[in-house]
C-alpha atoms as a PDB file:
ATOM      1  CA  MET A   1      -0.005  -0.038   0.006  1.00  0.00           C
ATOM      2  CA  THR A   2       1.331   3.459  -0.871  1.00  0.00           C
ATOM      3  CA  THR A   3       0.552   6.762   1.015  1.00  0.00           C
ATOM      4  CA  SER A   4       0.264  10.249  -0.473  1.00  0.00           C
ATOM      5  CA  CYS A   5       3.964  10.806   0.131  1.00  0.00           C
ATOM      6  CA  GLY A   6       4.775   7.744  -1.993  1.00  0.00           C
ATOM      7  CA  LEU A   7       5.768   5.598   0.947  1.00  0.00           C
ATOM      8  CA  THR A   8       5.315   1.864   0.923  1.00  0.00           C
ATOM      9  CA  VAL A   9       3.357   0.878   4.053  1.00  0.00           C
ATOM     10  CA  MET A  10       3.661  -2.672   5.465  1.00  0.00           C
ATOM     11  CA  PRO A  11       0.382  -4.556   5.495  1.00  0.00           C
ATOM     12  CA  GLU A  12      -1.098  -4.763   8.964  1.00  0.00           C
ATOM     13  CA  ALA A  13      -0.853  -8.511   9.017  1.00  0.00           C
ATOM     14  CA  LEU A  14       2.942  -8.266   8.864  1.00  0.00           C
ATOM     15  CA  MET A  15       2.992  -5.964  11.832  1.00  0.00           C
ATOM     16  CA  LYS A  16       1.185  -8.496  14.088  1.00  0.00           C
ATOM     17  CA  GLY A  17       2.776 -11.261  16.095  1.00  0.00           C
ATOM     18  CA  GLY A  18       5.517  -9.405  17.972  1.00  0.00           C
ATOM     19  CA  GLY A  19       3.718  -6.082  18.174  1.00  0.00           C
ATOM     20  CA  ALA A  20       5.108  -2.717  16.870  1.00  0.00           C
ATOM     21  CA  PHE A  21       7.437  -2.314  19.816  1.00  0.00           C
ATOM     22  CA  ALA A  22       8.458  -5.913  20.529  1.00  0.00           C
ATOM     23  CA  ALA A  23      12.161  -6.684  20.283  1.00  0.00           C
ATOM     24  CA  ASP A  24      12.914 -10.409  19.857  1.00  0.00           C
ATOM     25  CA  THR A  25      15.942 -12.127  21.181  1.00  0.00           C
ATOM     26  CA  ASP A  26      17.738 -11.970  17.790  1.00  0.00           C
ATOM     27  CA  ASP A  27      17.413  -8.194  17.661  1.00  0.00           C
ATOM     28  CA  ASP A  28      18.722  -7.855  21.224  1.00  0.00           C
ATOM     29  CA  LEU A  29      21.697 -10.047  20.349  1.00  0.00           C
ATOM     30  CA  ILE A  30      22.471  -8.213  17.168  1.00  0.00           C
ATOM     31  CA  GLN A  31      22.391  -4.844  18.979  1.00  0.00           C
ATOM     32  CA  ALA A  32      24.726  -6.104  21.738  1.00  0.00           C
ATOM     33  CA  GLN A  33      27.160  -7.371  19.191  1.00  0.00           C
ATOM     34  CA  GLU A  34      27.078  -4.115  17.236  1.00  0.00           C
ATOM     35  CA  LEU A  35      27.427  -2.062  20.294  1.00  0.00           C
ATOM     36  CA  ALA A  36      30.557  -4.005  21.153  1.00  0.00           C
ATOM     37  CA  LEU A  37      31.927  -3.297  17.715  1.00  0.00           C
ATOM     38  CA  VAL A  38      31.112   0.476  18.188  1.00  0.00           C
ATOM     39  CA  GLN A  39      33.020   0.664  21.470  1.00  0.00           C
ATOM     40  CA  SER A  40      35.987  -1.229  20.002  1.00  0.00           C
ATOM     41  CA  LEU A  41      36.076   1.093  16.962  1.00  0.00           C
ATOM     42  CA  MET A  42      36.015   4.236  19.045  1.00  0.00           C
ATOM     43  CA  THR A  43      38.710   2.990  21.467  1.00  0.00           C
ATOM     44  CA  ASN A  44      40.953   1.656  18.769  1.00  0.00           C
ATOM     45  CA  HIS A  45      40.723   4.851  16.730  1.00  0.00           C
ATOM     46  CA  ILE A  46      41.772   6.994  19.668  1.00  0.00           C
ATOM     47  CA  ASP A  47      44.532   4.646  20.584  1.00  0.00           C
ATOM     48  CA  ARG A  48      46.003   4.843  17.031  1.00  0.00           C
ATOM     49  CA  LEU A  49      46.296   8.626  17.334  1.00  0.00           C
ATOM     50  CA  MET A  50      49.561  10.297  18.301  1.00  0.00           C
ATOM     51  CA  PRO A  51      50.157   9.896  22.027  1.00  0.00           C
ATOM     52  CA  GLY A  52      49.750  12.943  24.054  1.00  0.00           C
ATOM     53  CA  PRO A  53      47.727  14.740  26.769  1.00  0.00           C
ATOM     54  CA  ALA A  54      44.766  15.251  24.390  1.00  0.00           C
ATOM     55  CA  SER A  55      44.509  11.673  23.304  1.00  0.00           C
ATOM     56  CA  SER A  56      44.851  10.590  26.956  1.00  0.00           C
ATOM     57  CA  ALA A  57      42.091  12.880  28.013  1.00  0.00           C
ATOM     58  CA  GLY A  58      39.928  11.645  25.082  1.00  0.00           C
ATOM     59  CA  SER A  59      40.390   7.995  26.088  1.00  0.00           C
ATOM     60  CA  TYR A  60      39.579   8.933  29.670  1.00  0.00           C
ATOM     61  CA  GLN A  61      36.264  10.512  28.522  1.00  0.00           C
ATOM     62  CA  LEU A  62      35.311   7.461  26.633  1.00  0.00           C
ATOM     63  CA  GLN A  63      36.164   5.215  29.536  1.00  0.00           C
ATOM     64  CA  THR A  64      33.723   7.097  31.799  1.00  0.00           C
ATOM     65  CA  GLY A  65      30.963   5.076  30.088  1.00  0.00           C
ATOM     66  CA  GLY A  66      27.502   6.374  29.328  1.00  0.00           C
ATOM     67  CA  SER A  67      24.262   5.037  27.932  1.00  0.00           C
ATOM     68  CA  LEU A  68      25.437   4.864  24.344  1.00  0.00           C
ATOM     69  CA  LEU A  69      22.078   6.196  23.416  1.00  0.00           C
ATOM     70  CA  ARG A  70      23.349   7.898  20.083  1.00  0.00           C
ATOM     71  CA  ALA A  71      24.967   4.604  19.087  1.00  0.00           C
ATOM     72  CA  LYS A  72      21.786   2.727  19.831  1.00  0.00           C
ATOM     73  CA  LEU A  73      19.761   5.184  17.748  1.00  0.00           C
ATOM     74  CA  ALA A  74      22.070   4.926  14.830  1.00  0.00           C
ATOM     75  CA  LEU A  75      22.146   1.184  14.926  1.00  0.00           C
ATOM     76  CA  ALA A  76      18.402   0.912  15.196  1.00  0.00           C
ATOM     77  CA  SER A  77      17.765   3.363  12.385  1.00  0.00           C
ATOM     78  CA  GLY A  78      20.294   1.637  10.196  1.00  0.00           C
ATOM     79  CA  ARG A  79      18.788  -1.749  10.824  1.00  0.00           C
ATOM     80  CA  ALA A  80      15.256  -0.403  10.303  1.00  0.00           C
ATOM     81  CA  PHE A  81      16.043   1.190   6.873  1.00  0.00           C
ATOM     82  CA  GLY A  82      18.578  -1.516   5.740  1.00  0.00           C
ATOM     83  CA  SER A  83      21.990   0.176   5.791  1.00  0.00           C
ATOM     84  CA  SER A  84      25.060  -2.049   5.779  1.00  0.00           C
ATOM     85  CA  ARG A  85      26.463  -3.246   9.043  1.00  0.00           C
ATOM     86  CA  ASN A  86      29.894  -1.639   8.455  1.00  0.00           C
ATOM     87  CA  TYR A  87      28.166   1.667   7.839  1.00  0.00           C
ATOM     88  CA  ARG A  88      25.879   1.715  10.809  1.00  0.00           C
ATOM     89  CA  VAL A  89      28.593   0.633  13.184  1.00  0.00           C
ATOM     90  CA  ALA A  90      30.801   3.498  11.840  1.00  0.00           C
ATOM     91  CA  ALA A  91      27.910   5.930  12.022  1.00  0.00           C
ATOM     92  CA  ALA A  92      27.104   4.907  15.600  1.00  0.00           C
ATOM     93  CA  ALA A  93      30.778   5.304  16.608  1.00  0.00           C
ATOM     94  CA  ALA A  94      31.037   8.739  14.921  1.00  0.00           C
ATOM     95  CA  CYS A  95      27.754   9.961  16.655  1.00  0.00           C
ATOM     96  CA  GLU A  96      29.030   8.796  20.086  1.00  0.00           C
ATOM     97  CA  LEU A  97      32.333  10.687  19.483  1.00  0.00           C
ATOM     98  CA  ILE A  98      30.541  13.857  18.519  1.00  0.00           C
ATOM     99  CA  HIS A  99      28.280  13.467  21.621  1.00  0.00           C
ATOM    100  CA  ASN A 100      31.355  12.981  23.861  1.00  0.00           C
ATOM    101  CA  ALA A 101      33.086  15.942  22.334  1.00  0.00           C
ATOM    102  CA  SER A 102      30.102  18.095  23.165  1.00  0.00           C
ATOM    103  CA  LEU A 103      30.083  16.812  26.738  1.00  0.00           C
ATOM    104  CA  VAL A 104      33.767  17.717  27.225  1.00  0.00           C
ATOM    105  CA  HIS A 105      33.154  21.183  25.915  1.00  0.00           C
ATOM    106  CA  ASP A 106      29.887  21.643  27.819  1.00  0.00           C
ATOM    107  CA  ASP A 107      31.458  20.676  31.094  1.00  0.00           C
ATOM    108  CA  LEU A 108      34.271  23.069  30.496  1.00  0.00           C
ATOM    109  CA  LEU A 109      31.918  25.929  29.754  1.00  0.00           C
ATOM    110  CA  ASP A 110      29.518  25.065  32.755  1.00  0.00           C
ATOM    111  CA  ARG A 111      32.465  24.394  35.118  1.00  0.00           C
ATOM    112  CA  ASP A 112      30.887  21.058  36.121  1.00  0.00           C
ATOM    113  CA  HIS A 113      33.225  18.976  38.307  1.00  0.00           C
ATOM    114  CA  THR A 114      31.717  15.515  37.735  1.00  0.00           C
ATOM    115  CA  ARG A 115      29.973  13.521  35.061  1.00  0.00           C
ATOM    116  CA  ARG A 116      29.045   9.834  35.112  1.00  0.00           C
ATOM    117  CA  GLY A 117      30.395   9.618  38.678  1.00  0.00           C
ATOM    118  CA  ALA A 118      33.922  10.643  37.700  1.00  0.00           C
ATOM    119  CA  ALA A 119      35.849  13.911  37.468  1.00  0.00           C
ATOM    120  CA  THR A 120      35.143  15.819  34.230  1.00  0.00           C
ATOM    121  CA  VAL A 121      37.965  16.115  31.676  1.00  0.00           C
ATOM    122  CA  TRP A 122      38.766  19.716  32.436  1.00  0.00           C
ATOM    123  CA  LYS A 123      38.834  19.034  36.228  1.00  0.00           C
ATOM    124  CA  ARG A 124      41.288  16.193  35.675  1.00  0.00           C
ATOM    125  CA  TYR A 125      43.448  17.526  32.870  1.00  0.00           C
ATOM    126  CA  GLY A 126      42.892  21.315  32.981  1.00  0.00           C
ATOM    127  CA  ASP A 127      40.983  23.803  30.781  1.00  0.00           C
ATOM    128  CA  GLY A 128      43.426  23.750  27.732  1.00  0.00           C
ATOM    129  CA  VAL A 129      43.790  20.068  27.505  1.00  0.00           C
ATOM    130  CA  ALA A 130      40.033  19.571  27.779  1.00  0.00           C
ATOM    131  CA  LEU A 131      39.454  21.990  24.822  1.00  0.00           C
ATOM    132  CA  CYS A 132      41.961  20.049  22.856  1.00  0.00           C
ATOM    133  CA  ALA A 133      40.448  16.657  23.813  1.00  0.00           C
ATOM    134  CA  GLY A 134      36.998  17.747  22.652  1.00  0.00           C
ATOM    135  CA  ASP A 135      38.450  18.874  19.408  1.00  0.00           C
ATOM    136  CA  LEU A 136      40.249  15.596  19.051  1.00  0.00           C
ATOM    137  CA  LEU A 137      37.100  13.581  19.574  1.00  0.00           C
ATOM    138  CA  LEU A 138      35.503  15.675  16.811  1.00  0.00           C
ATOM    139  CA  CYS A 139      38.345  14.892  14.444  1.00  0.00           C
ATOM    140  CA  ALA A 140      38.099  11.149  15.398  1.00  0.00           C
ATOM    141  CA  ALA A 141      34.483  11.073  14.303  1.00  0.00           C
ATOM    142  CA  PHE A 142      35.418  12.428  10.862  1.00  0.00           C
ATOM    143  CA  GLY A 143      38.327  10.033  10.747  1.00  0.00           C
ATOM    144  CA  ILE A 144      36.007   7.009  11.226  1.00  0.00           C
ATOM    145  CA  ALA A 145      33.744   8.380   8.436  1.00  0.00           C
ATOM    146  CA  ALA A 146      36.709   8.704   6.080  1.00  0.00           C
ATOM    147  CA  GLY A 147      37.718   5.107   6.868  1.00  0.00           C
ATOM    148  CA  LEU A 148      34.584   3.605   5.330  1.00  0.00           C
ATOM    149  CA  ASP A 149      35.407   1.397   2.356  1.00  0.00           C
ATOM    150  CA  GLU A 150      32.460   2.612   0.233  1.00  0.00           C
ATOM    151  CA  PRO A 151      33.144   6.112  -0.993  1.00  0.00           C
ATOM    152  CA  ALA A 152      29.450   7.078  -1.202  1.00  0.00           C
ATOM    153  CA  GLU A 153      28.844   5.872   2.332  1.00  0.00           C
ATOM    154  CA  SER A 154      31.936   7.807   3.547  1.00  0.00           C
ATOM    155  CA  ARG A 155      30.816  10.989   1.786  1.00  0.00           C
ATOM    156  CA  GLN A 156      27.233  10.730   3.064  1.00  0.00           C
ATOM    157  CA  LEU A 157      28.259  10.174   6.693  1.00  0.00           C
ATOM    158  CA  SER A 158      30.872  12.950   6.581  1.00  0.00           C
ATOM    159  CA  GLN A 159      28.146  15.370   5.230  1.00  0.00           C
ATOM    160  CA  HIS A 160      25.776  14.453   8.041  1.00  0.00           C
ATOM    161  CA  LEU A 161      28.522  14.936  10.728  1.00  0.00           C
ATOM    162  CA  ALA A 162      29.595  18.296   9.258  1.00  0.00           C
ATOM    163  CA  SER A 163      25.982  19.638   9.028  1.00  0.00           C
ATOM    164  CA  MET A 164      24.887  18.456  12.493  1.00  0.00           C
ATOM    165  CA  THR A 165      28.071  19.411  14.268  1.00  0.00           C
ATOM    166  CA  GLY A 166      27.812  22.867  12.706  1.00  0.00           C
ATOM    167  CA  ARG A 167      24.261  23.223  14.133  1.00  0.00           C
ATOM    168  CA  ILE A 168      25.362  22.145  17.598  1.00  0.00           C
ATOM    169  CA  ILE A 169      28.201  24.583  17.681  1.00  0.00           C
ATOM    170  CA  VAL A 170      26.011  27.514  16.476  1.00  0.00           C
ATOM    171  CA  GLY A 171      23.284  26.643  18.891  1.00  0.00           C
ATOM    172  CA  GLN A 172      25.713  26.622  21.841  1.00  0.00           C
ATOM    173  CA  SER A 173      27.181  29.965  20.664  1.00  0.00           C
ATOM    174  CA  ILE A 174      23.705  31.501  20.699  1.00  0.00           C
ATOM    175  CA  GLU A 175      23.383  30.534  24.378  1.00  0.00           C
ATOM    176  CA  ILE A 176      26.725  31.857  25.531  1.00  0.00           C
ATOM    177  CA  ALA A 177      26.848  35.016  23.428  1.00  0.00           C
ATOM    178  CA  HIS A 178      23.749  36.667  24.885  1.00  0.00           C
ATOM    179  CA  PRO A 179      24.792  39.507  27.034  1.00  0.00           C
ATOM    180  CA  PRO A 180      23.693  38.961  30.631  1.00  0.00           C
ATOM    181  CA  ASP A 181      22.625  42.600  31.053  1.00  0.00           C
ATOM    182  CA  GLN A 182      20.230  42.477  28.070  1.00  0.00           C
ATOM    183  CA  PRO A 183      16.574  41.566  28.221  1.00  0.00           C
ATOM    184  CA  LEU A 184      15.691  37.899  28.009  1.00  0.00           C
ATOM    185  CA  PRO A 185      15.186  36.588  24.510  1.00  0.00           C
ATOM    186  CA  ARG A 186      11.628  36.102  23.255  1.00  0.00           C
ATOM    187  CA  PHE A 187       9.898  32.709  23.693  1.00  0.00           C
ATOM    188  CA  ARG A 188      10.251  31.819  20.023  1.00  0.00           C
ATOM    189  CA  ALA A 189      14.011  32.607  20.110  1.00  0.00           C
ATOM    190  CA  TYR A 190      14.290  30.432  23.225  1.00  0.00           C
ATOM    191  CA  LEU A 191      12.612  27.491  21.359  1.00  0.00           C
ATOM    192  CA  GLU A 192      14.950  27.944  18.425  1.00  0.00           C
ATOM    193  CA  ALA A 193      18.030  28.062  20.626  1.00  0.00           C
ATOM    194  CA  ALA A 194      16.927  24.959  22.660  1.00  0.00           C
ATOM    195  CA  ARG A 195      16.279  22.989  19.398  1.00  0.00           C
ATOM    196  CA  ALA A 196      19.546  24.130  17.811  1.00  0.00           C
ATOM    197  CA  LYS A 197      21.735  22.955  20.705  1.00  0.00           C
ATOM    198  CA  THR A 198      20.053  19.573  21.365  1.00  0.00           C
ATOM    199  CA  VAL A 199      18.039  18.367  18.487  1.00  0.00           C
ATOM    200  CA  PRO A 200      21.048  17.722  16.169  1.00  0.00           C
ATOM    201  CA  LEU A 201      22.462  15.093  18.651  1.00  0.00           C
ATOM    202  CA  ILE A 202      19.133  13.204  18.348  1.00  0.00           C
ATOM    203  CA  GLU A 203      18.715  13.721  14.585  1.00  0.00           C
ATOM    204  CA  LEU A 204      22.228  12.915  13.586  1.00  0.00           C
ATOM    205  CA  PRO A 205      22.165   9.161  14.502  1.00  0.00           C
ATOM    206  CA  LEU A 206      18.557   8.724  13.315  1.00  0.00           C
ATOM    207  CA  ILE A 207      19.102  10.399   9.932  1.00  0.00           C
ATOM    208  CA  ALA A 208      22.520   9.001   9.298  1.00  0.00           C
ATOM    209  CA  GLY A 209      21.354   5.486   9.768  1.00  0.00           C
ATOM    210  CA  ALA A 210      18.184   6.051   7.640  1.00  0.00           C
ATOM    211  CA  THR A 211      19.557   7.742   4.585  1.00  0.00           C
ATOM    212  CA  ALA A 212      22.302   5.181   4.007  1.00  0.00           C
ATOM    213  CA  GLY A 213      19.472   2.634   3.815  1.00  0.00           C
ATOM    214  CA  GLY A 214      17.584   4.538   1.194  1.00  0.00           C
ATOM    215  CA  ALA A 215      15.024   6.475   3.329  1.00  0.00           C
ATOM    216  CA  ASP A 216      13.110   8.758   1.038  1.00  0.00           C
ATOM    217  CA  GLN A 217      12.306  12.480   1.718  1.00  0.00           C
ATOM    218  CA  CYS A 218       8.976  11.728   3.509  1.00  0.00           C
ATOM    219  CA  ASP A 219      10.789   9.292   5.868  1.00  0.00           C
ATOM    220  CA  GLN A 220      13.485  11.816   6.513  1.00  0.00           C
ATOM    221  CA  ASP A 221      10.985  14.636   7.221  1.00  0.00           C
ATOM    222  CA  CYS A 222       9.235  12.376   9.796  1.00  0.00           C
ATOM    223  CA  ILE A 223      12.594  11.511  11.379  1.00  0.00           C
ATOM    224  CA  ARG A 224      13.581  15.171  11.692  1.00  0.00           C
ATOM    225  CA  GLN A 225      10.287  16.060  13.245  1.00  0.00           C
ATOM    226  CA  LEU A 226      10.685  13.100  15.703  1.00  0.00           C
ATOM    227  CA  ALA A 227      14.145  14.298  16.682  1.00  0.00           C
ATOM    228  CA  SER A 228      12.912  17.873  17.080  1.00  0.00           C
ATOM    229  CA  ALA A 229      10.147  16.752  19.521  1.00  0.00           C
ATOM    230  CA  ILE A 230      12.448  14.513  21.548  1.00  0.00           C
ATOM    231  CA  GLY A 231      15.293  17.142  21.542  1.00  0.00           C
ATOM    232  CA  LEU A 232      13.138  19.982  22.780  1.00  0.00           C
ATOM    233  CA  ALA A 233      11.706  17.855  25.615  1.00  0.00           C
ATOM    234  CA  TYR A 234      15.190  16.659  26.465  1.00  0.00           C
ATOM    235  CA  GLN A 235      16.488  20.199  26.764  1.00  0.00           C
ATOM    236  CA  ILE A 236      13.557  21.437  28.938  1.00  0.00           C
ATOM    237  CA  ILE A 237      13.914  18.457  31.281  1.00  0.00           C
ATOM    238  CA  ASP A 238      17.802  18.866  31.357  1.00  0.00           C
ATOM    239  CA  ASP A 239      17.264  22.545  32.309  1.00  0.00           C
ATOM    240  CA  LEU A 240      14.901  21.599  35.094  1.00  0.00           C
ATOM    241  CA  ASP A 241      17.547  19.182  36.427  1.00  0.00           C
ATOM    242  CA  ASP A 242      19.878  22.134  36.831  1.00  0.00           C
ATOM    243  CA  LEU A 243      17.506  23.537  39.523  1.00  0.00           C
ATOM    244  CA  ASN A 244      18.603  20.672  41.764  1.00  0.00           C
ATOM    245  CA  SER A 245      22.320  21.256  41.130  1.00  0.00           C
ATOM    246  CA  SER A 246      24.769  23.664  42.833  1.00  0.00           C
ATOM    247  CA  ARG A 247      24.977  25.847  39.627  1.00  0.00           C
ATOM    248  CA  GLN A 248      24.966  29.438  40.717  1.00  0.00           C
ATOM    249  CA  SER A 249      23.302  31.148  37.706  1.00  0.00           C
ATOM    250  CA  LEU A 250      21.021  30.166  34.777  1.00  0.00           C
ATOM    251  CA  HIS A 251      21.795  31.333  31.289  1.00  0.00           C
ATOM    252  CA  PRO A 252      19.162  33.542  29.479  1.00  0.00           C
ATOM    253  CA  PHE A 253      17.992  30.615  27.346  1.00  0.00           C
ATOM    254  CA  HIS A 254      17.206  28.423  30.342  1.00  0.00           C
ATOM    255  CA  ALA A 255      13.721  26.906  30.436  1.00  0.00           C
ATOM    256  CA  TRP A 256      13.150  28.483  33.966  1.00  0.00           C
ATOM    257  CA  HIS A 257      13.131  32.001  32.469  1.00  0.00           C
ATOM    258  CA  HIS A 258      10.694  31.059  29.651  1.00  0.00           C
ATOM    259  CA  HIS A 259       7.881  29.330  31.469  1.00  0.00           C
ATOM    260  CA  ARG A 260       6.720  32.079  33.762  1.00  0.00           C
ATOM    261  CA  GLN A 261       2.927  32.590  33.807  1.00  0.00           C
ATOM    262  CA  GLY A 262       2.266  36.310  33.278  1.00  0.00           C
ATOM    263  CA  GLN A 263       4.152  38.425  35.791  1.00  0.00           C
ATOM    264  CA  ARG A 264       4.119  35.752  38.484  1.00  0.00           C
ATOM    265  CA  ASP A 265       7.476  34.551  39.794  1.00  0.00           C
ATOM    266  CA  ASP A 266       6.084  31.581  41.718  1.00  0.00           C
ATOM    267  CA  PRO A 267       8.133  28.387  41.078  1.00  0.00           C
ATOM    268  CA  GLU A 268       5.024  26.113  40.927  1.00  0.00           C
ATOM    269  CA  PRO A 269       3.441  27.545  37.758  1.00  0.00           C
ATOM    270  CA  ARG A 270       6.837  27.683  36.016  1.00  0.00           C
ATOM    271  CA  ILE A 271       7.628  24.003  36.807  1.00  0.00           C
ATOM    272  CA  GLY A 272       4.028  23.115  35.765  1.00  0.00           C
ATOM    273  CA  ARG A 273       4.311  24.944  32.405  1.00  0.00           C
ATOM    274  CA  ALA A 274       7.713  23.575  31.627  1.00  0.00           C
ATOM    275  CA  THR A 275       6.798  19.964  32.371  1.00  0.00           C
ATOM    276  CA  TRP A 276       3.554  20.219  30.383  1.00  0.00           C
ATOM    277  CA  HIS A 277       5.548  21.673  27.504  1.00  0.00           C
ATOM    278  CA  ALA A 278       8.016  18.725  27.616  1.00  0.00           C
ATOM    279  CA  ILE A 279       5.221  16.152  27.986  1.00  0.00           C
ATOM    280  CA  ALA A 280       3.340  17.671  24.976  1.00  0.00           C
ATOM    281  CA  SER A 281       6.507  17.470  22.867  1.00  0.00           C
ATOM    282  CA  LEU A 282       7.050  13.771  23.925  1.00  0.00           C
ATOM    283  CA  ALA A 283       3.481  12.987  22.975  1.00  0.00           C
ATOM    284  CA  ARG A 284       4.057  14.483  19.600  1.00  0.00           C
ATOM    285  CA  GLY A 285       7.251  12.297  19.293  1.00  0.00           C
ATOM    286  CA  ARG A 286       5.354   9.254  20.186  1.00  0.00           C
ATOM    287  CA  ARG A 287       2.753   9.935  17.383  1.00  0.00           C
ATOM    288  CA  LEU A 288       5.589  10.406  14.878  1.00  0.00           C
ATOM    289  CA  LEU A 289       7.252   7.280  16.042  1.00  0.00           C
ATOM    290  CA  GLU A 290       4.025   5.341  15.462  1.00  0.00           C
ATOM    291  CA  GLN A 291       3.968   6.732  11.866  1.00  0.00           C
ATOM    292  CA  LEU A 292       7.459   5.551  11.208  1.00  0.00           C
ATOM    293  CA  GLU A 293       6.814   2.091  12.600  1.00  0.00           C
ATOM    294  CA  THR A 294       4.317   1.411   9.799  1.00  0.00           C
ATOM    295  CA  LYS A 295       7.000   2.015   7.185  1.00  0.00           C
ATOM    296  CA  VAL A 296       9.870  -0.209   8.343  1.00  0.00           C
ATOM    297  CA  ALA A 297      10.498  -3.970   8.571  1.00  0.00           C
ATOM    298  CA  ILE A 298      12.448  -3.767  11.772  1.00  0.00           C
ATOM    299  CA  PRO A 299      10.832  -1.452  14.390  1.00  0.00           C
ATOM    300  CA  LEU A 300      12.577   1.535  15.959  1.00  0.00           C
ATOM    301  CA  GLY A 301      10.230   1.434  18.913  1.00  0.00           C
ATOM    302  CA  PRO A 302      12.293  -0.888  21.144  1.00  0.00           C
ATOM    303  CA  THR A 303      15.097   1.725  21.063  1.00  0.00           C
ATOM    304  CA  VAL A 304      13.083   4.984  20.943  1.00  0.00           C
ATOM    305  CA  GLU A 305      10.147   4.225  23.108  1.00  0.00           C
ATOM    306  CA  PRO A 306      12.285   3.637  26.349  1.00  0.00           C
ATOM    307  CA  LEU A 307      13.898   7.091  25.693  1.00  0.00           C
ATOM    308  CA  LEU A 308      10.464   8.718  25.472  1.00  0.00           C
ATOM    309  CA  LEU A 309       9.327   6.927  28.651  1.00  0.00           C
ATOM    310  CA  LYS A 310      12.428   7.867  30.572  1.00  0.00           C
ATOM    311  CA  LEU A 311      12.128  11.540  29.655  1.00  0.00           C
ATOM    312  CA  GLU A 312       8.407  11.499  30.536  1.00  0.00           C
ATOM    313  CA  GLN A 313       9.190  10.016  33.931  1.00  0.00           C
ATOM    314  CA  ARG A 314      11.758  12.672  34.544  1.00  0.00           C
ATOM    315  CA  ALA A 315       9.305  15.353  33.630  1.00  0.00           C
ATOM    316  CA  LEU A 316       6.695  13.917  35.888  1.00  0.00           C
ATOM    317  CA  SER A 317       9.181  13.678  38.781  1.00  0.00           C
ATOM    318  CA  HIS A 318       9.716  17.405  38.606  1.00  0.00           C
ATOM    319  CA  ARG A 319       6.014  18.024  38.479  1.00  0.00           C
ATOM    320  CA  ARG A 320       4.736  15.708  41.095  1.00  0.00           C
ATOM    321  CA  HIS A 321       4.948  18.354  43.920  1.00  0.00           C
ATOM    322  CA  TYR A 322       3.336  20.975  41.704  1.00  0.00           C
ATOM    323  CA  GLN A 323      -0.016  19.576  40.986  1.00  0.00           C
ATOM    324  CA  SER A 324      -1.716  22.885  41.435  1.00  0.00           C
ATOM    325  CA  ALA A 325      -0.333  24.205  38.145  1.00  0.00           C
ATOM    326  CA  GLY A 326      -2.773  23.838  35.395  1.00  0.00           C
ATOM    327  CA  GLU A 327      -2.079  22.702  31.781  1.00  0.00           C
ATOM    328  CA  PRO A 328      -1.079  25.770  29.805  1.00  0.00           C
ATOM    329  CA  GLU A 329      -3.132  26.530  26.692  1.00  0.00           C
ATOM    330  CA  ALA A 330      -1.963  26.005  23.154  1.00  0.00           C
ATOM    331  CA  TYR A 331       1.346  24.141  23.967  1.00  0.00           C
ATOM    332  CA  ASP A 332       0.623  21.504  21.443  1.00  0.00           C
ATOM    333  CA  SER A 333       0.455  24.081  18.745  1.00  0.00           C
ATOM    334  CA  VAL A 334       3.614  25.774  19.993  1.00  0.00           C
ATOM    335  CA  VAL A 335       5.557  22.436  20.031  1.00  0.00           C
ATOM    336  CA  ALA A 336       4.219  21.585  16.566  1.00  0.00           C
ATOM    337  CA  GLY A 337       5.657  24.863  15.266  1.00  0.00           C
END
């Protein structure tokens, strides 16, 4: 069956049996094997670089662990749309390296002392080496893309990395360049900055895996909207997490500043509005995921749905003590753009 976008939709009968979000044992085993290849590829690539403080710091950052979410998204998207195993492993490794580079630089800018239960790179190696280590991890991502045997795959992955990394950098620069003595940015500018900084790190693994497998424009548009919905919710919730930290000040694009109700400064309405905003965005993401699930042979749900659920639970944990705050009007339309 073909949709108005020209997409081939799987017959309903083929979707039954395991359910749209059911991951069988074989899929779990394949993911575990491919994640092991991803970790090995990242470690080996850094180890082959010239020894020095930056490479040592880069290796240290990778050894601190993490959820490997971006790798899982790239692998799942690649399997769903049929990209080659070599490509999706390389794409997953490159996405993780970009993500870790952003963490090193974020920790340096925010002066965070710990991450993943360990000292941050700048705290252990100093500011200058941390800056170099982040740059080195970025270079390593492009090195892995260049190492693909198929020229078309190498070029395609490199283009995705360059495009998304550029968006991340510009998004971060918008946040840090706003003069502290100037009025707060408007709500639309806040949304654009939040998306620019966070969405590319969700979109990159999903789109990189899909396009190499032949995803058409309608698929890609749906993936980008899904990433936008997840990324915005992620940023709002991450901002709310800052309220429980020892951070002394909140930047002008922080969610706290942009969810005030009228002229009231009460924390309860702000938390309520921010969490409703995040939950509305996640609900939109879930609808988009359901659309994608009808178009692929191997479902994305087992990888994406737990992320949506985890973010939803984090939002609800912030809201549980603020039940007096009502649902703000028209947030669904704001999130939908």
